[in-house]
PDB file of N, CA and C in Angstrom:
ATOM      1  N   MET A   1      50.761 -43.669 -61.735  1.00  0.00           N
ATOM      2  CA  MET A   1      50.374 -43.810 -60.489  1.00  0.00           C
ATOM      3  C   MET A   1      51.158 -45.451 -59.883  1.00  0.00           C
ATOM      4  N   ASN A   2      51.503 -45.215 -58.812  1.00  0.00           N
ATOM      5  CA  ASN A   2      52.488 -46.011 -57.473  1.00  0.00           C
ATOM      6  C   ASN A   2      51.703 -46.746 -57.005  1.00  0.00           C
ATOM      7  N   LYS A   3      51.770 -48.458 -57.191  1.00  0.00           N
ATOM      8  CA  LYS A   3      50.895 -49.266 -55.851  1.00  0.00           C
ATOM      9  C   LYS A   3      51.892 -49.607 -55.311  1.00  0.00           C
ATOM     10  N   THR A   4      51.993 -49.314 -53.972  1.00  0.00           N
ATOM     11  CA  THR A   4      52.507 -50.328 -53.012  1.00  0.00           C
ATOM     12  C   THR A   4      51.751 -51.491 -52.349  1.00  0.00           C
ATOM     13  N   ARG A   5      52.515 -51.969 -52.596  1.00  0.00           N
ATOM     14  CA  ARG A   5      51.913 -53.999 -51.824  1.00  0.00           C
ATOM     15  C   ARG A   5      52.202 -53.780 -50.525  1.00  0.00           C
ATOM     16  N   LYS A   6      51.392 -53.801 -49.760  1.00  0.00           N
ATOM     17  CA  LYS A   6      51.454 -54.076 -48.183  1.00  0.00           C
ATOM     18  C   LYS A   6      51.829 -55.932 -48.013  1.00  0.00           C
ATOM     19  N   GLN A   7      53.021 -55.955 -47.566  1.00  0.00           N
ATOM     20  CA  GLN A   7      53.440 -57.231 -47.208  1.00  0.00           C
ATOM     21  C   GLN A   7      52.578 -57.542 -45.769  1.00  0.00           C
ATOM     22  N   ARG A   8      51.927 -59.168 -45.986  1.00  0.00           N
ATOM     23  CA  ARG A   8      51.221 -59.617 -44.551  1.00  0.00           C
ATOM     24  C   ARG A   8      52.400 -60.183 -43.889  1.00  0.00           C
ATOM     25  N   VAL A   9      51.851 -60.222 -42.417  1.00  0.00           N
ATOM     26  CA  VAL A   9      53.419 -60.652 -41.418  1.00  0.00           C
ATOM     27  C   VAL A   9      52.066 -61.566 -40.653  1.00  0.00           C
ATOM     28  N   ALA A  10      52.362 -62.534 -40.759  1.00  0.00           N
ATOM     29  CA  ALA A  10      51.833 -63.488 -39.461  1.00  0.00           C
ATOM     30  C   ALA A  10      52.027 -62.792 -37.778  1.00  0.00           C
ATOM     31  N   PRO A  11      50.534 -63.167 -37.122  1.00  0.00           N
ATOM     32  CA  PRO A  11      50.569 -62.365 -35.729  1.00  0.00           C
ATOM     33  C   PRO A  11      51.698 -63.071 -35.051  1.00  0.00           C
ATOM     34  N   GLY A  12      52.484 -62.098 -34.577  1.00  0.00           N
ATOM     35  CA  GLY A  12      53.422 -63.077 -33.403  1.00  0.00           C
ATOM     36  C   GLY A  12      54.602 -62.479 -34.211  1.00  0.00           C
ATOM     37  N   ALA A  13      54.624 -62.740 -35.502  1.00  0.00           N
ATOM     38  CA  ALA A  13      56.036 -62.991 -36.202  1.00  0.00           C
ATOM     39  C   ALA A  13      56.677 -61.008 -36.588  1.00  0.00           C
ATOM     40  N   ARG A  14      58.122 -61.141 -36.358  1.00  0.00           N
ATOM     41  CA  ARG A  14      58.533 -59.760 -36.584  1.00  0.00           C
ATOM     42  C   ARG A  14      59.005 -59.181 -38.054  1.00  0.00           C
ATOM     43  N   ARG A  15      58.316 -58.034 -37.588  1.00  0.00           N
ATOM     44  CA  ARG A  15      58.772 -57.462 -39.014  1.00  0.00           C
ATOM     45  C   ARG A  15      59.908 -56.699 -39.206  1.00  0.00           C
ATOM     46  N   GLU A  16      60.793 -56.513 -40.333  1.00  0.00           N
ATOM     47  CA  GLU A  16      62.355 -56.218 -40.232  1.00  0.00           C
ATOM     48  C   GLU A  16      61.931 -54.476 -40.702  1.00  0.00           C
ATOM     49  N   VAL A  17      62.988 -53.752 -39.753  1.00  0.00           N
ATOM     50  CA  VAL A  17      62.523 -52.421 -40.217  1.00  0.00           C
ATOM     51  C   VAL A  17      64.104 -52.217 -40.613  1.00  0.00           C
ATOM     52  N   LYS A  18      63.867 -51.268 -41.750  1.00  0.00           N
ATOM     53  CA  LYS A  18      65.024 -51.025 -42.513  1.00  0.00           C
ATOM     54  C   LYS A  18      65.203 -49.303 -42.679  1.00  0.00           C
ATOM     55  N   ASN A  19      66.688 -49.411 -42.663  1.00  0.00           N
ATOM     56  CA  ASN A  19      67.104 -48.367 -42.411  1.00  0.00           C
ATOM     57  C   ASN A  19      66.463 -47.526 -40.772  1.00  0.00           C
ATOM     58  N   PHE A  20      66.722 -48.475 -39.961  1.00  0.00           N
ATOM     59  CA  PHE A  20      66.373 -47.614 -38.804  1.00  0.00           C
ATOM     60  C   PHE A  20      67.449 -47.684 -38.040  1.00  0.00           C
ATOM     61  N   ASP A  21      67.649 -45.998 -37.166  1.00  0.00           N
ATOM     62  CA  ASP A  21      68.949 -45.650 -36.794  1.00  0.00           C
ATOM     63  C   ASP A  21      68.275 -45.156 -35.295  1.00  0.00           C
ATOM     64  N   PRO A  22      68.744 -45.983 -33.953  1.00  0.00           N
ATOM     65  CA  PRO A  22      68.165 -46.172 -32.617  1.00  0.00           C
ATOM     66  C   PRO A  22      68.726 -44.892 -32.182  1.00  0.00           C
ATOM     67  N   ASN A  23      69.631 -43.769 -32.320  1.00  0.00           N
ATOM     68  CA  ASN A  23      69.937 -43.023 -31.860  1.00  0.00           C
ATOM     69  C   ASN A  23      69.394 -41.441 -32.307  1.00  0.00           C
ATOM     70  N   ASN A  24      68.264 -42.011 -33.421  1.00  0.00           N
ATOM     71  CA  ASN A  24      67.839 -40.590 -34.132  1.00  0.00           C
ATOM     72  C   ASN A  24      66.259 -41.077 -33.250  1.00  0.00           C
ATOM     73  N   ALA A  25      65.985 -42.230 -32.773  1.00  0.00           N
ATOM     74  CA  ALA A  25      64.880 -43.100 -32.372  1.00  0.00           C
ATOM     75  C   ALA A  25      63.877 -41.903 -31.238  1.00  0.00           C
ATOM     76  N   VAL A  26      62.687 -41.614 -31.677  1.00  0.00           N
ATOM     77  CA  VAL A  26      61.927 -40.896 -30.858  1.00  0.00           C
ATOM     78  C   VAL A  26      60.738 -42.038 -30.302  1.00  0.00           C
ATOM     79  N   VAL A  27      60.578 -41.871 -28.718  1.00  0.00           N
ATOM     80  CA  VAL A  27      59.413 -42.207 -28.080  1.00  0.00           C
ATOM     81  C   VAL A  27      58.421 -41.778 -28.067  1.00  0.00           C
ATOM     82  N   SER A  28      57.359 -41.824 -28.279  1.00  0.00           N
ATOM     83  CA  SER A  28      56.218 -41.012 -28.114  1.00  0.00           C
ATOM     84  C   SER A  28      55.065 -41.949 -26.902  1.00  0.00           C
ATOM     85  N   PRO A  29      54.400 -41.042 -26.518  1.00  0.00           N
ATOM     86  CA  PRO A  29      53.771 -41.825 -25.667  1.00  0.00           C
ATOM     87  C   PRO A  29      52.023 -41.815 -26.445  1.00  0.00           C
ATOM     88  N   TYR A  30      51.595 -42.642 -26.021  1.00  0.00           N
ATOM     89  CA  TYR A  30      50.102 -42.799 -26.561  1.00  0.00           C
ATOM     90  C   TYR A  30      49.318 -40.690 -26.008  1.00  0.00           C
ATOM     91  N   GLU A  31      48.386 -40.436 -27.130  1.00  0.00           N
ATOM     92  CA  GLU A  31      47.709 -39.281 -27.052  1.00  0.00           C
ATOM     93  C   GLU A  31      46.768 -38.878 -25.390  1.00  0.00           C
ATOM     94  N   ASP A  32      46.313 -40.337 -24.899  1.00  0.00           N
ATOM     95  CA  ASP A  32      45.860 -40.078 -23.900  1.00  0.00           C
ATOM     96  C   ASP A  32      46.620 -40.457 -22.527  1.00  0.00           C
ATOM     97  N   GLU A  33      47.984 -40.457 -23.002  1.00  0.00           N
ATOM     98  CA  GLU A  33      48.627 -41.044 -21.783  1.00  0.00           C
ATOM     99  C   GLU A  33      49.300 -40.021 -21.109  1.00  0.00           C
ATOM    100  N   ASN A  34      50.185 -39.544 -19.486  1.00  0.00           N
ATOM    101  CA  ASN A  34      50.581 -38.823 -18.915  1.00  0.00           C
ATOM    102  C   ASN A  34      51.685 -39.406 -18.842  1.00  0.00           C
ATOM    103  N   VAL A  35      53.349 -38.806 -19.103  1.00  0.00           N
ATOM    104  CA  VAL A  35      54.378 -39.403 -18.716  1.00  0.00           C
ATOM    105  C   VAL A  35      55.315 -38.303 -18.047  1.00  0.00           C
ATOM    106  N   LEU A  36      55.402 -39.115 -16.462  1.00  0.00           N
ATOM    107  CA  LEU A  36      56.454 -38.314 -15.677  1.00  0.00           C
ATOM    108  C   LEU A  36      57.473 -38.559 -15.629  1.00  0.00           C
ATOM    109  N   ILE A  37      58.636 -37.841 -16.392  1.00  0.00           N
ATOM    110  CA  ILE A  37      60.033 -37.822 -16.006  1.00  0.00           C
ATOM    111  C   ILE A  37      60.546 -37.727 -14.797  1.00  0.00           C
ATOM    112  N   ASP A  38      61.363 -38.480 -13.924  1.00  0.00           N
ATOM    113  CA  ASP A  38      61.897 -38.398 -13.034  1.00  0.00           C
ATOM    114  C   ASP A  38      63.236 -38.388 -13.274  1.00  0.00           C
ATOM    115  N   ASP A  39      64.324 -37.206 -13.584  1.00  0.00           N
ATOM    116  CA  ASP A  39      65.623 -37.406 -13.399  1.00  0.00           C
ATOM    117  C   ASP A  39      66.323 -36.832 -12.452  1.00  0.00           C
ATOM    118  N   ASP A  40      65.818 -36.781 -11.415  1.00  0.00           N
ATOM    119  CA  ASP A  40      66.238 -36.200 -10.249  1.00  0.00           C
ATOM    120  C   ASP A  40      66.011 -37.636  -8.981  1.00  0.00           C
ATOM    121  N   ILE A  41      66.023 -38.739  -9.353  1.00  0.00           N
ATOM    122  CA  ILE A  41      65.732 -39.908  -8.506  1.00  0.00           C
ATOM    123  C   ILE A  41      66.898 -40.340  -7.671  1.00  0.00           C
ATOM    124  N   GLY A  42      68.481 -39.490  -8.518  1.00  0.00           N
ATOM    125  CA  GLY A  42      69.428 -39.980  -7.361  1.00  0.00           C
ATOM    126  C   GLY A  42      69.233 -38.858  -5.998  1.00  0.00           C
ATOM    127  N   THR A  43      69.045 -38.163  -5.950  1.00  0.00           N
ATOM    128  CA  THR A  43      68.489 -36.844  -4.725  1.00  0.00           C
ATOM    129  C   THR A  43      67.405 -37.408  -3.690  1.00  0.00           C
ATOM    130  N   ARG A  44      66.467 -38.209  -4.293  1.00  0.00           N
ATOM    131  CA  ARG A  44      65.478 -38.853  -3.569  1.00  0.00           C
ATOM    132  C   ARG A  44      65.586 -40.049  -2.784  1.00  0.00           C
ATOM    133  N   ILE A  45      66.671 -40.742  -2.501  1.00  0.00           N
ATOM    134  CA  ILE A  45      66.888 -41.398  -2.515  1.00  0.00           C
ATOM    135  C   ILE A  45      67.047 -41.670  -0.723  1.00  0.00           C
ATOM    136  N   GLY A  46      67.145 -40.702  -0.378  1.00  0.00           N
ATOM    137  CA  GLY A  46      67.376 -40.321   0.954  1.00  0.00           C
ATOM    138  C   GLY A  46      65.504 -39.409   1.729  1.00  0.00           C
ATOM    139  N   GLU A  47      65.073 -39.348   0.806  1.00  0.00           N
ATOM    140  CA  GLU A  47      64.166 -38.639   0.934  1.00  0.00           C
ATOM    141  C   GLU A  47      63.296 -39.427   1.948  1.00  0.00           C
ATOM    142  N   PRO A  48      61.799 -38.913   2.800  1.00  0.00           N
ATOM    143  CA  PRO A  48      61.081 -40.064   3.072  1.00  0.00           C
ATOM    144  C   PRO A  48      60.322 -40.838   2.239  1.00  0.00           C
ATOM    145  N   TRP A  49      60.515 -42.033   2.271  1.00  0.00           N
ATOM    146  CA  TRP A  49      59.823 -43.056   1.517  1.00  0.00           C
ATOM    147  C   TRP A  49      58.922 -43.938   3.059  1.00  0.00           C
ATOM    148  N   LYS A  50      58.118 -44.621   2.073  1.00  0.00           N
ATOM    149  CA  LYS A  50      57.640 -45.408   3.041  1.00  0.00           C
ATOM    150  C   LYS A  50      56.952 -46.881   2.510  1.00  0.00           C
ATOM    151  N   VAL A  51      56.925 -47.954   3.599  1.00  0.00           N
ATOM    152  CA  VAL A  51      56.374 -49.215   3.250  1.00  0.00           C
ATOM    153  C   VAL A  51      54.653 -49.237   3.542  1.00  0.00           C
ATOM    154  N   VAL A  52      54.124 -49.471   2.760  1.00  0.00           N
ATOM    155  CA  VAL A  52      52.796 -49.516   3.030  1.00  0.00           C
ATOM    156  C   VAL A  52      52.489 -51.152   2.818  1.00  0.00           C
ATOM    157  N   LEU A  53      51.396 -51.671   3.827  1.00  0.00           N
ATOM    158  CA  LEU A  53      51.467 -52.688   4.139  1.00  0.00           C
ATOM    159  C   LEU A  53      49.833 -52.974   3.919  1.00  0.00           C
ATOM    160  N   TYR A  54      49.082 -53.722   3.544  1.00  0.00           N
ATOM    161  CA  TYR A  54      47.982 -53.766   2.709  1.00  0.00           C
ATOM    162  C   TYR A  54      47.121 -55.282   3.161  1.00  0.00           C
ATOM    163  N   ASN A  55      46.059 -54.909   3.635  1.00  0.00           N
ATOM    164  CA  ASN A  55      45.130 -56.302   4.400  1.00  0.00           C
ATOM    165  C   ASN A  55      45.066 -57.642   3.394  1.00  0.00           C
ATOM    166  N   ASP A  56      44.903 -58.218   3.814  1.00  0.00           N
ATOM    167  CA  ASP A  56      45.023 -59.431   2.950  1.00  0.00           C
ATOM    168  C   ASP A  56      44.000 -60.816   4.046  1.00  0.00           C
ATOM    169  N   ASP A  57      43.542 -61.903   2.709  1.00  0.00           N
ATOM    170  CA  ASP A  57      42.685 -62.546   4.362  1.00  0.00           C
ATOM    171  C   ASP A  57      43.383 -63.919   4.018  1.00  0.00           C
ATOM    172  N   ILE A  58      44.483 -63.807   4.140  1.00  0.00           N
ATOM    173  CA  ILE A  58      45.342 -64.894   3.963  1.00  0.00           C
ATOM    174  C   ILE A  58      46.321 -65.353   5.559  1.00  0.00           C
ATOM    175  N   HIS A  59      46.788 -64.134   5.666  1.00  0.00           N
ATOM    176  CA  HIS A  59      47.628 -64.357   7.115  1.00  0.00           C
ATOM    177  C   HIS A  59      46.992 -64.132   8.283  1.00  0.00           C
ATOM    178  N   THR A  60      47.283 -64.835   9.338  1.00  0.00           N
ATOM    179  CA  THR A  60      46.778 -64.023  10.606  1.00  0.00           C
ATOM    180  C   THR A  60      47.213 -62.787  11.218  1.00  0.00           C
ATOM    181  N   PHE A  61      46.189 -62.374  12.599  1.00  0.00           N
ATOM    182  CA  PHE A  61      47.012 -61.054  12.866  1.00  0.00           C
ATOM    183  C   PHE A  61      48.064 -61.521  13.537  1.00  0.00           C
ATOM    184  N   ASP A  62      48.351 -62.809  14.054  1.00  0.00           N
ATOM    185  CA  ASP A  62      49.452 -63.227  14.784  1.00  0.00           C
ATOM    186  C   ASP A  62      50.902 -63.298  14.184  1.00  0.00           C
ATOM    187  N   GLU A  63      50.493 -64.251  12.762  1.00  0.00           N
ATOM    188  CA  GLU A  63      51.352 -63.943  11.872  1.00  0.00           C
ATOM    189  C   GLU A  63      52.331 -62.541  11.015  1.00  0.00           C
ATOM    190  N   VAL A  64      51.106 -61.337  11.154  1.00  0.00           N
ATOM    191  CA  VAL A  64      51.384 -60.666  10.576  1.00  0.00           C
ATOM    192  C   VAL A  64      52.215 -59.599  11.824  1.00  0.00           C
ATOM    193  N   ILE A  65      51.657 -59.871  12.938  1.00  0.00           N
ATOM    194  CA  ILE A  65      52.379 -59.334  13.847  1.00  0.00           C
ATOM    195  C   ILE A  65      53.659 -59.503  14.094  1.00  0.00           C
ATOM    196  N   LEU A  66      54.264 -60.591  14.362  1.00  0.00           N
ATOM    197  CA  LEU A  66      55.285 -61.626  14.344  1.00  0.00           C
ATOM    198  C   LEU A  66      56.230 -60.948  13.096  1.00  0.00           C
ATOM    199  N   GLN A  67      55.775 -60.823  12.122  1.00  0.00           N
ATOM    200  CA  GLN A  67      56.584 -60.320  10.762  1.00  0.00           C
ATOM    201  C   GLN A  67      57.094 -59.527  10.873  1.00  0.00           C
ATOM    202  N   LEU A  68      55.951 -58.208  11.334  1.00  0.00           N
ATOM    203  CA  LEU A  68      56.100 -56.844  11.563  1.00  0.00           C
ATOM    204  C   LEU A  68      57.092 -56.221  12.457  1.00  0.00           C
ATOM    205  N   GLN A  69      57.194 -57.234  14.008  1.00  0.00           N
ATOM    206  CA  GLN A  69      57.841 -57.033  14.601  1.00  0.00           C
ATOM    207  C   GLN A  69      59.606 -57.600  14.520  1.00  0.00           C
ATOM    208  N   LYS A  70      59.935 -58.453  13.288  1.00  0.00           N
ATOM    209  CA  LYS A  70      60.949 -58.972  13.054  1.00  0.00           C
ATOM    210  C   LYS A  70      61.300 -57.682  12.114  1.00  0.00           C
ATOM    211  N   ALA A  71      60.712 -57.323  11.186  1.00  0.00           N
ATOM    212  CA  ALA A  71      60.832 -56.284   9.921  1.00  0.00           C
ATOM    213  C   ALA A  71      61.213 -54.965  10.758  1.00  0.00           C
ATOM    214  N   LEU A  72      60.052 -54.391  12.013  1.00  0.00           N
ATOM    215  CA  LEU A  72      60.604 -52.996  12.577  1.00  0.00           C
ATOM    216  C   LEU A  72      61.467 -53.278  13.765  1.00  0.00           C
ATOM    217  N   GLY A  73      61.809 -54.285  14.268  1.00  0.00           N
ATOM    218  CA  GLY A  73      62.402 -54.169  15.536  1.00  0.00           C
ATOM    219  C   GLY A  73      61.425 -53.731  16.830  1.00  0.00           C
ATOM    220  N   CYS A  74      60.201 -53.235  16.668  1.00  0.00           N
ATOM    221  CA  CYS A  74      58.931 -52.790  17.253  1.00  0.00           C
ATOM    222  C   CYS A  74      58.355 -53.437  18.220  1.00  0.00           C
ATOM    223  N   SER A  75      57.571 -53.335  19.062  1.00  0.00           N
ATOM    224  CA  SER A  75      56.790 -53.963  19.894  1.00  0.00           C
ATOM    225  C   SER A  75      55.575 -54.561  19.860  1.00  0.00           C
ATOM    226  N   VAL A  76      54.985 -55.587  20.649  1.00  0.00           N
ATOM    227  CA  VAL A  76      54.061 -55.864  19.810  1.00  0.00           C
ATOM    228  C   VAL A  76      52.952 -55.430  19.401  1.00  0.00           C
ATOM    229  N   GLN A  77      52.643 -53.789  20.625  1.00  0.00           N
ATOM    230  CA  GLN A  77      51.768 -53.309  20.610  1.00  0.00           C
ATOM    231  C   GLN A  77      51.795 -52.538  19.532  1.00  0.00           C
ATOM    232  N   ARG A  78      52.929 -51.991  19.270  1.00  0.00           N
ATOM    233  CA  ARG A  78      52.943 -51.203  17.565  1.00  0.00           C
ATOM    234  C   ARG A  78      52.943 -51.964  16.803  1.00  0.00           C
ATOM    235  N   ALA A  79      53.294 -53.116  16.711  1.00  0.00           N
ATOM    236  CA  ALA A  79      52.706 -54.052  15.482  1.00  0.00           C
ATOM    237  C   ALA A  79      51.369 -54.683  15.361  1.00  0.00           C
ATOM    238  N   GLU A  80      50.701 -54.801  16.584  1.00  0.00           N
ATOM    239  CA  GLU A  80      49.569 -54.772  16.746  1.00  0.00           C
ATOM    240  C   GLU A  80      48.587 -53.417  16.108  1.00  0.00           C
ATOM    241  N   GLN A  81      49.190 -52.181  16.508  1.00  0.00           N
ATOM    242  CA  GLN A  81      48.399 -51.384  15.447  1.00  0.00           C
ATOM    243  C   GLN A  81      48.374 -50.998  14.269  1.00  0.00           C
ATOM    244  N   ILE A  82      49.743 -51.374  13.717  1.00  0.00           N
ATOM    245  CA  ILE A  82      49.860 -51.115  12.158  1.00  0.00           C
ATOM    246  C   ILE A  82      48.789 -52.262  11.452  1.00  0.00           C
ATOM    247  N   ALA A  83      49.246 -53.745  12.361  1.00  0.00           N
ATOM    248  CA  ALA A  83      47.770 -54.879  11.503  1.00  0.00           C
ATOM    249  C   ALA A  83      46.647 -54.436  11.361  1.00  0.00           C
ATOM    250  N   PHE A  84      46.363 -53.623  12.729  1.00  0.00           N
ATOM    251  CA  PHE A  84      44.710 -53.529  12.809  1.00  0.00           C
ATOM    252  C   PHE A  84      44.651 -52.761  12.091  1.00  0.00           C
ATOM    253  N   GLU A  85      45.404 -51.419  11.473  1.00  0.00           N
ATOM    254  CA  GLU A  85      45.101 -50.440  10.567  1.00  0.00           C
ATOM    255  C   GLU A  85      45.085 -50.783   9.404  1.00  0.00           C
ATOM    256  N   ALA A  86      45.906 -51.820   8.734  1.00  0.00           N
ATOM    257  CA  ALA A  86      45.771 -52.230   7.746  1.00  0.00           C
ATOM    258  C   ALA A  86      44.742 -53.305   7.374  1.00  0.00           C
ATOM    259  N   HIS A  87      44.029 -54.004   8.898  1.00  0.00           N
ATOM    260  CA  HIS A  87      42.847 -54.876   8.577  1.00  0.00           C
ATOM    261  C   HIS A  87      41.750 -53.603   8.359  1.00  0.00           C
ATOM    262  N   THR A  88      41.584 -52.693   8.845  1.00  0.00           N
ATOM    263  CA  THR A  88      40.127 -52.105   9.045  1.00  0.00           C
ATOM    264  C   THR A  88      40.317 -51.107   8.098  1.00  0.00           C
ATOM    265  N   LYS A  89      41.531 -50.478   7.753  1.00  0.00           N
ATOM    266  CA  LYS A  89      41.343 -49.447   6.403  1.00  0.00           C
ATOM    267  C   LYS A  89      42.078 -49.631   5.430  1.00  0.00           C
ATOM    268  N   GLY A  90      42.357 -50.914   5.207  1.00  0.00           N
ATOM    269  CA  GLY A  90      42.677 -51.670   4.003  1.00  0.00           C
ATOM    270  C   GLY A  90      44.100 -51.957   3.588  1.00  0.00           C
ATOM    271  N   LYS A  91      44.760 -50.435   4.654  1.00  0.00           N
ATOM    272  CA  LYS A  91      46.432 -50.683   4.747  1.00  0.00           C
ATOM    273  C   LYS A  91      46.812 -49.338   5.424  1.00  0.00           C
ATOM    274  N   ALA A  92      48.002 -49.665   5.789  1.00  0.00           N
ATOM    275  CA  ALA A  92      48.680 -48.928   6.639  1.00  0.00           C
ATOM    276  C   ALA A  92      50.105 -48.680   6.527  1.00  0.00           C
ATOM    277  N   VAL A  93      50.778 -47.281   7.096  1.00  0.00           N
ATOM    278  CA  VAL A  93      51.926 -47.101   6.635  1.00  0.00           C
ATOM    279  C   VAL A  93      53.070 -48.063   7.670  1.00  0.00           C
ATOM    280  N   ALA A  94      53.471 -48.959   7.950  1.00  0.00           N
ATOM    281  CA  ALA A  94      54.315 -50.125   8.462  1.00  0.00           C
ATOM    282  C   ALA A  94      55.519 -49.288   8.554  1.00  0.00           C
ATOM    283  N   PHE A  95      55.720 -48.507   7.694  1.00  0.00           N
ATOM    284  CA  PHE A  95      57.802 -47.927   8.405  1.00  0.00           C
ATOM    285  C   PHE A  95      57.756 -46.867   7.239  1.00  0.00           C
ATOM    286  N   SER A  96      58.527 -45.554   7.939  1.00  0.00           N
ATOM    287  CA  SER A  96      58.865 -44.558   6.952  1.00  0.00           C
ATOM    288  C   SER A  96      60.594 -44.639   7.218  1.00  0.00           C
ATOM    289  N   GLY A  97      61.190 -44.169   6.077  1.00  0.00           N
ATOM    290  CA  GLY A  97      62.378 -43.747   6.305  1.00  0.00           C
ATOM    291  C   GLY A  97      63.209 -43.939   4.605  1.00  0.00           C
ATOM    292  N   GLU A  98      64.900 -43.698   4.909  1.00  0.00           N
ATOM    293  CA  GLU A  98      65.009 -43.681   3.473  1.00  0.00           C
ATOM    294  C   GLU A  98      65.247 -45.230   2.991  1.00  0.00           C
ATOM    295  N   PHE A  99      64.984 -44.862   1.495  1.00  0.00           N
ATOM    296  CA  PHE A  99      65.079 -45.931   0.641  1.00  0.00           C
ATOM    297  C   PHE A  99      65.536 -47.334   0.927  1.00  0.00           C
ATOM    298  N   ASN A 100      66.645 -47.450   1.264  1.00  0.00           N
ATOM    299  CA  ASN A 100      67.311 -48.549   1.694  1.00  0.00           C
ATOM    300  C   ASN A 100      66.971 -49.538   2.049  1.00  0.00           C
ATOM    301  N   GLU A 101      66.788 -48.893   3.660  1.00  0.00           N
ATOM    302  CA  GLU A 101      66.072 -49.271   5.235  1.00  0.00           C
ATOM    303  C   GLU A 101      64.722 -49.560   4.829  1.00  0.00           C
ATOM    304  N   CYS A 102      63.381 -49.045   3.741  1.00  0.00           N
ATOM    305  CA  CYS A 102      62.442 -49.134   3.325  1.00  0.00           C
ATOM    306  C   CYS A 102      62.425 -50.588   2.523  1.00  0.00           C
ATOM    307  N   TYR A 103      63.150 -50.803   1.895  1.00  0.00           N
ATOM    308  CA  TYR A 103      63.625 -51.994   1.090  1.00  0.00           C
ATOM    309  C   TYR A 103      63.955 -53.022   1.778  1.00  0.00           C
ATOM    310  N   ARG A 104      64.356 -53.042   2.748  1.00  0.00           N
ATOM    311  CA  ARG A 104      65.055 -54.236   3.528  1.00  0.00           C
ATOM    312  C   ARG A 104      63.632 -54.512   4.651  1.00  0.00           C
ATOM    313  N   VAL A 105      62.818 -53.522   4.955  1.00  0.00           N
ATOM    314  CA  VAL A 105      61.986 -53.882   5.564  1.00  0.00           C
ATOM    315  C   VAL A 105      60.683 -54.575   4.380  1.00  0.00           C
ATOM    316  N   MET A 106      60.662 -53.893   3.620  1.00  0.00           N
ATOM    317  CA  MET A 106      59.549 -54.678   2.693  1.00  0.00           C
ATOM    318  C   MET A 106      60.272 -56.039   2.072  1.00  0.00           C
ATOM    319  N   GLY A 107      61.310 -56.323   2.085  1.00  0.00           N
ATOM    320  CA  GLY A 107      61.529 -57.463   2.188  1.00  0.00           C
ATOM    321  C   GLY A 107      61.338 -58.923   3.126  1.00  0.00           C
ATOM    322  N   VAL A 108      61.426 -58.192   4.379  1.00  0.00           N
ATOM    323  CA  VAL A 108      61.431 -58.955   5.556  1.00  0.00           C
ATOM    324  C   VAL A 108      59.901 -59.454   5.373  1.00  0.00           C
ATOM    325  N   LEU A 109      58.951 -58.327   4.936  1.00  0.00           N
ATOM    326  CA  LEU A 109      57.664 -58.632   5.283  1.00  0.00           C
ATOM    327  C   LEU A 109      57.253 -59.493   4.237  1.00  0.00           C
ATOM    328  N   ARG A 110      57.802 -58.999   3.076  1.00  0.00           N
ATOM    329  CA  ARG A 110      57.407 -60.128   1.806  1.00  0.00           C
ATOM    330  C   ARG A 110      57.991 -61.414   1.758  1.00  0.00           C
ATOM    331  N   GLU A 111      58.764 -62.087   3.053  1.00  0.00           N
ATOM    332  CA  GLU A 111      58.901 -63.298   3.279  1.00  0.00           C
ATOM    333  C   GLU A 111      58.052 -64.310   3.391  1.00  0.00           C
ATOM    334  N   ILE A 112      56.778 -63.700   3.853  1.00  0.00           N
ATOM    335  CA  ILE A 112      55.696 -64.678   4.366  1.00  0.00           C
ATOM    336  C   ILE A 112      54.599 -64.340   2.939  1.00  0.00           C
ATOM    337  N   GLN A 113      54.909 -63.640   2.001  1.00  0.00           N
ATOM    338  CA  GLN A 113      54.256 -62.768   0.996  1.00  0.00           C
ATOM    339  C   GLN A 113      53.114 -61.687   1.699  1.00  0.00           C
ATOM    340  N   LEU A 114      53.533 -61.455   2.699  1.00  0.00           N
ATOM    341  CA  LEU A 114      52.455 -60.072   2.779  1.00  0.00           C
ATOM    342  C   LEU A 114      52.747 -59.122   1.796  1.00  0.00           C
ATOM    343  N   VAL A 115      51.369 -58.480   1.800  1.00  0.00           N
ATOM    344  CA  VAL A 115      51.600 -57.472   0.336  1.00  0.00           C
ATOM    345  C   VAL A 115      51.663 -56.083   1.143  1.00  0.00           C
ATOM    346  N   VAL A 116      52.870 -55.499   0.342  1.00  0.00           N
ATOM    347  CA  VAL A 116      53.522 -54.117   0.572  1.00  0.00           C
ATOM    348  C   VAL A 116      54.248 -53.771  -0.690  1.00  0.00           C
ATOM    349  N   GLU A 117      54.447 -52.124  -0.597  1.00  0.00           N
ATOM    350  CA  GLU A 117      55.116 -51.218  -1.273  1.00  0.00           C
ATOM    351  C   GLU A 117      55.474 -50.498  -0.857  1.00  0.00           C
ATOM    352  N   ILE A 118      56.907 -50.155  -1.980  1.00  0.00           N
ATOM    353  CA  ILE A 118      57.408 -48.679  -1.124  1.00  0.00           C
ATOM    354  C   ILE A 118      56.384 -47.281  -2.030  1.00  0.00           C
ATOM    355  N   GLU A 119      56.458 -46.459  -1.096  1.00  0.00           N
ATOM    356  CA  GLU A 119      56.001 -45.308  -1.791  1.00  0.00           C
ATOM    357  C   GLU A 119      57.019 -44.470  -1.400  1.00  0.00           C
ATOM    358  N   GLY A 120      56.925 -42.949  -2.465  1.00  0.00           N
ATOM    359  CA  GLY A 120      57.868 -41.956  -2.319  1.00  0.00           C
ATOM    360  C   GLY A 120      57.415 -40.567  -2.448  1.00  0.00           C
TER     361      GLY A 120
END
């Protein structure tokens, strides 16, 4: 009978893994986790992306409207429509276009800590 002795490791301490070959390592998702691998991202950069603006209780309508105008170069009326939709529905599509332009718009909106994200 071969008795194997388990080594105790303090919480947070690192364990040394012997004979580990990173070239042959396999990463498996948890059983209940769905994994989506997007290996075509390079061709999707030009596809229509969206900047989504979320409602918050911190900024005034005037602050949001001015920042939307700065980011989008749109009229006061268009900025008001976007701000009102975000306020009443919880979110609104502020901009749609290529990824690089969406990223620029998102950056301008985040200058005053508006809550935004890019969806593709």
